[in-house]
Amino acid sequence: MPSRHIAANAANFAYQAKQNRVSTFSAIAQQSRIFMRRNRLLTISG
């Protein structure tokens, strides 16, 4: 019983870590997209 619980915790932790990595990546991608858009606007106006 305890070993099954530990395995479930490990699987849950791995899932959470994957979700965090995905959300972090999407946040970085969103930031870089905004940055690129801002650079493009500056280039056009400059």
PDB file of N, CA and C in Angstrom:
ATOM      1  N   MET A   1       0.821  -1.219   0.000  1.00  0.00           N
ATOM      2  CA  MET A   1       0.000   0.000   0.000  1.00  0.00           C
ATOM      3  C   MET A   1       0.854   1.268   0.000  1.00  0.00           C
ATOM      4  N   PRO A   2       1.803   1.431   0.945  1.00  0.00           N
ATOM      5  CA  PRO A   2       2.595   2.659   0.940  1.00  0.00           C
ATOM      6  C   PRO A   2       3.396   2.850  -0.351  1.00  0.00           C
ATOM      7  N   SER A   3       3.920   1.738  -0.899  1.00  0.00           N
ATOM      8  CA  SER A   3       4.726   1.865  -2.111  1.00  0.00           C
ATOM      9  C   SER A   3       3.876   2.361  -3.283  1.00  0.00           C
ATOM     10  N   ARG A   4       2.632   1.909  -3.358  1.00  0.00           N
ATOM     11  CA  ARG A   4       1.735   2.363  -4.422  1.00  0.00           C
ATOM     12  C   ARG A   4       1.475   3.864  -4.266  1.00  0.00           C
ATOM     13  N   HIS A   5       1.328   4.306  -3.013  1.00  0.00           N
ATOM     14  CA  HIS A   5       1.090   5.715  -2.731  1.00  0.00           C
ATOM     15  C   HIS A   5       2.297   6.549  -3.176  1.00  0.00           C
ATOM     16  N   ILE A   6       3.499   6.041  -2.889  1.00  0.00           N
ATOM     17  CA  ILE A   6       4.722   6.738  -3.293  1.00  0.00           C
ATOM     18  C   ILE A   6       4.797   6.818  -4.813  1.00  0.00           C
ATOM     19  N   ALA A   7       4.438   5.744  -5.485  1.00  0.00           N
ATOM     20  CA  ALA A   7       4.476   5.737  -6.950  1.00  0.00           C
ATOM     21  C   ALA A   7       3.477   6.747  -7.509  1.00  0.00           C
ATOM     22  N   ALA A   8       2.313   6.821  -6.901  1.00  0.00           N
ATOM     23  CA  ALA A   8       1.309   7.786  -7.350  1.00  0.00           C
ATOM     24  C   ALA A   8       1.814   9.206  -7.140  1.00  0.00           C
ATOM     25  N   ASN A   9       2.474   9.449  -5.996  1.00  0.00           N
ATOM     26  CA  ASN A   9       3.030  10.773  -5.741  1.00  0.00           C
ATOM     27  C   ASN A   9       4.102  11.117  -6.764  1.00  0.00           C
ATOM     28  N   ALA A  10       4.943  10.159  -7.102  1.00  0.00           N
ATOM     29  CA  ALA A  10       6.007  10.403  -8.076  1.00  0.00           C
ATOM     30  C   ALA A  10       5.417  10.727  -9.444  1.00  0.00           C
ATOM     31  N   ALA A  11       4.382   9.979  -9.842  1.00  0.00           N
ATOM     32  CA  ALA A  11       3.745  10.228 -11.133  1.00  0.00           C
ATOM     33  C   ALA A  11       3.095  11.607 -11.134  1.00  0.00           C
ATOM     34  N   ASN A  12       2.443  11.960 -10.030  1.00  0.00           N
ATOM     35  CA  ASN A  12       1.800  13.266  -9.928  1.00  0.00           C
ATOM     36  C   ASN A  12       2.834  14.386  -9.983  1.00  0.00           C
ATOM     37  N   PHE A  13       3.962  14.177  -9.308  1.00  0.00           N
ATOM     38  CA  PHE A  13       5.019  15.184  -9.307  1.00  0.00           C
ATOM     39  C   PHE A  13       5.578  15.374 -10.711  1.00  0.00           C
ATOM     40  N   ALA A  14       5.783  14.264 -11.429  1.00  0.00           N
ATOM     41  CA  ALA A  14       6.310  14.344 -12.793  1.00  0.00           C
ATOM     42  C   ALA A  14       5.323  15.097 -13.685  1.00  0.00           C
ATOM     43  N   TYR A  15       4.035  14.816 -13.502  1.00  0.00           N
ATOM     44  CA  TYR A  15       3.008  15.496 -14.293  1.00  0.00           C
ATOM     45  C   TYR A  15       3.021  16.995 -14.002  1.00  0.00           C
ATOM     46  N   GLN A  16       3.091  17.358 -12.726  1.00  0.00           N
ATOM     47  CA  GLN A  16       3.122  18.768 -12.347  1.00  0.00           C
ATOM     48  C   GLN A  16       4.355  19.454 -12.927  1.00  0.00           C
ATOM     49  N   ALA A  17       5.496  18.780 -12.880  1.00  0.00           N
ATOM     50  CA  ALA A  17       6.725  19.362 -13.420  1.00  0.00           C
ATOM     51  C   ALA A  17       6.588  19.598 -14.917  1.00  0.00           C
ATOM     52  N   LYS A  18       5.973  18.646 -15.605  1.00  0.00           N
ATOM     53  CA  LYS A  18       5.783  18.799 -17.051  1.00  0.00           C
ATOM     54  C   LYS A  18       4.854  19.977 -17.332  1.00  0.00           C
ATOM     55  N   GLN A  19       3.768  20.087 -16.566  1.00  0.00           N
ATOM     56  CA  GLN A  19       2.836  21.189 -16.751  1.00  0.00           C
ATOM     57  C   GLN A  19       3.539  22.529 -16.506  1.00  0.00           C
ATOM     58  N   ASN A  20       4.383  22.581 -15.467  1.00  0.00           N
ATOM     59  CA  ASN A  20       5.101  23.816 -15.168  1.00  0.00           C
ATOM     60  C   ASN A  20       6.031  24.180 -16.305  1.00  0.00           C
ATOM     61  N   ARG A  21       6.716  23.172 -16.864  1.00  0.00           N
ATOM     62  CA  ARG A  21       7.648  23.434 -17.951  1.00  0.00           C
ATOM     63  C   ARG A  21       6.888  23.951 -19.174  1.00  0.00           C
ATOM     64  N   VAL A  22       5.728  23.370 -19.460  1.00  0.00           N
ATOM     65  CA  VAL A  22       4.927  23.810 -20.603  1.00  0.00           C
ATOM     66  C   VAL A  22       4.456  25.243 -20.392  1.00  0.00           C
ATOM     67  N   SER A  23       3.961  25.554 -19.190  1.00  0.00           N
ATOM     68  CA  SER A  23       3.464  26.902 -18.937  1.00  0.00           C
ATOM     69  C   SER A  23       4.600  27.914 -18.965  1.00  0.00           C
ATOM     70  N   THR A  24       5.774  27.516 -18.455  1.00  0.00           N
ATOM     71  CA  THR A  24       6.934  28.409 -18.493  1.00  0.00           C
ATOM     72  C   THR A  24       7.339  28.674 -19.929  1.00  0.00           C
ATOM     73  N   PHE A  25       7.359  27.614 -20.745  1.00  0.00           N
ATOM     74  CA  PHE A  25       7.736  27.770 -22.153  1.00  0.00           C
ATOM     75  C   PHE A  25       6.757  28.676 -22.881  1.00  0.00           C
ATOM     76  N   SER A  26       5.456  28.500 -22.640  1.00  0.00           N
ATOM     77  CA  SER A  26       4.460  29.322 -23.319  1.00  0.00           C
ATOM     78  C   SER A  26       4.571  30.772 -22.863  1.00  0.00           C
ATOM     79  N   ALA A  27       4.893  30.981 -21.579  1.00  0.00           N
ATOM     80  CA  ALA A  27       5.067  32.348 -21.080  1.00  0.00           C
ATOM     81  C   ALA A  27       6.264  33.004 -21.749  1.00  0.00           C
ATOM     82  N   ILE A  28       7.358  32.264 -21.893  1.00  0.00           N
ATOM     83  CA  ILE A  28       8.551  32.793 -22.565  1.00  0.00           C
ATOM     84  C   ILE A  28       8.231  33.095 -24.023  1.00  0.00           C
ATOM     85  N   ALA A  29       7.522  32.192 -24.674  1.00  0.00           N
ATOM     86  CA  ALA A  29       7.166  32.402 -26.076  1.00  0.00           C
ATOM     87  C   ALA A  29       6.291  33.640 -26.217  1.00  0.00           C
ATOM     88  N   GLN A  30       5.362  33.821 -25.287  1.00  0.00           N
ATOM     89  CA  GLN A  30       4.489  34.982 -25.332  1.00  0.00           C
ATOM     90  C   GLN A  30       5.300  36.260 -25.142  1.00  0.00           C
ATOM     91  N   GLN A  31       6.231  36.250 -24.187  1.00  0.00           N
ATOM     92  CA  GLN A  31       7.074  37.413 -23.944  1.00  0.00           C
ATOM     93  C   GLN A  31       7.895  37.754 -25.180  1.00  0.00           C
ATOM     94  N   SER A  32       8.508  36.754 -25.791  1.00  0.00           N
ATOM     95  CA  SER A  32       9.348  37.009 -26.964  1.00  0.00           C
ATOM     96  C   SER A  32       8.505  37.498 -28.133  1.00  0.00           C
ATOM     97  N   ARG A  33       7.265  37.007 -28.243  1.00  0.00           N
ATOM     98  CA  ARG A  33       6.376  37.453 -29.308  1.00  0.00           C
ATOM     99  C   ARG A  33       6.068  38.940 -29.128  1.00  0.00           C
ATOM    100  N   ILE A  34       5.775  39.339 -27.877  1.00  0.00           N
ATOM    101  CA  ILE A  34       5.502  40.749 -27.593  1.00  0.00           C
ATOM    102  C   ILE A  34       6.747  41.580 -27.899  1.00  0.00           C
ATOM    103  N   PHE A  35       7.902  41.058 -27.511  1.00  0.00           N
ATOM    104  CA  PHE A  35       9.154  41.776 -27.735  1.00  0.00           C
ATOM    105  C   PHE A  35       9.415  41.960 -29.225  1.00  0.00           C
ATOM    106  N   MET A  36       9.194  40.905 -30.007  1.00  0.00           N
ATOM    107  CA  MET A  36       9.396  40.998 -31.455  1.00  0.00           C
ATOM    108  C   MET A  36       8.448  42.026 -32.061  1.00  0.00           C
ATOM    109  N   ARG A  37       7.195  42.006 -31.613  1.00  0.00           N
ATOM    110  CA  ARG A  37       6.210  42.950 -32.137  1.00  0.00           C
ATOM    111  C   ARG A  37       6.648  44.387 -31.819  1.00  0.00           C
ATOM    112  N   ARG A  38       7.143  44.601 -30.609  1.00  0.00           N
ATOM    113  CA  ARG A  38       7.584  45.930 -30.196  1.00  0.00           C
ATOM    114  C   ARG A  38       8.779  46.365 -31.039  1.00  0.00           C
ATOM    115  N   ASN A  39       9.706  45.444 -31.284  1.00  0.00           N
ATOM    116  CA  ASN A  39      10.862  45.772 -32.117  1.00  0.00           C
ATOM    117  C   ASN A  39      10.436  46.125 -33.531  1.00  0.00           C
ATOM    118  N   ARG A  40       9.479  45.378 -34.068  1.00  0.00           N
ATOM    119  CA  ARG A  40       9.006  45.632 -35.419  1.00  0.00           C
ATOM    120  C   ARG A  40       8.375  47.026 -35.492  1.00  0.00           C
ATOM    121  N   LEU A  41       7.578  47.384 -34.471  1.00  0.00           N
ATOM    122  CA  LEU A  41       6.954  48.707 -34.451  1.00  0.00           C
ATOM    123  C   LEU A  41       8.010  49.802 -34.369  1.00  0.00           C
ATOM    124  N   LEU A  42       9.027  49.574 -33.548  1.00  0.00           N
ATOM    125  CA  LEU A  42      10.101  50.558 -33.439  1.00  0.00           C
ATOM    126  C   LEU A  42      10.837  50.693 -34.770  1.00  0.00           C
ATOM    127  N   THR A  43      11.062  49.579 -35.443  1.00  0.00           N
ATOM    128  CA  THR A  43      11.767  49.614 -36.730  1.00  0.00           C
ATOM    129  C   THR A  43      10.952  50.380 -37.765  1.00  0.00           C
ATOM    130  N   ILE A  44       9.644  50.137 -37.775  1.00  0.00           N
ATOM    131  CA  ILE A  44       8.779  50.807 -38.755  1.00  0.00           C
ATOM    132  C   ILE A  44       8.735  52.313 -38.467  1.00  0.00           C
ATOM    133  N   SER A  45       8.567  52.670 -37.201  1.00  0.00           N
ATOM    134  CA  SER A  45       8.458  54.088 -36.854  1.00  0.00           C
ATOM    135  C   SER A  45       9.810  54.785 -36.997  1.00  0.00           C
ATOM    136  N   GLY A  46      10.899  54.051 -36.726  1.00  0.00           N
ATOM    137  CA  GLY A  46      12.239  54.649 -36.819  1.00  0.00           C
ATOM    138  C   GLY A  46      12.636  54.811 -38.255  1.00  0.00           C
TER     139      GLY A  46
END
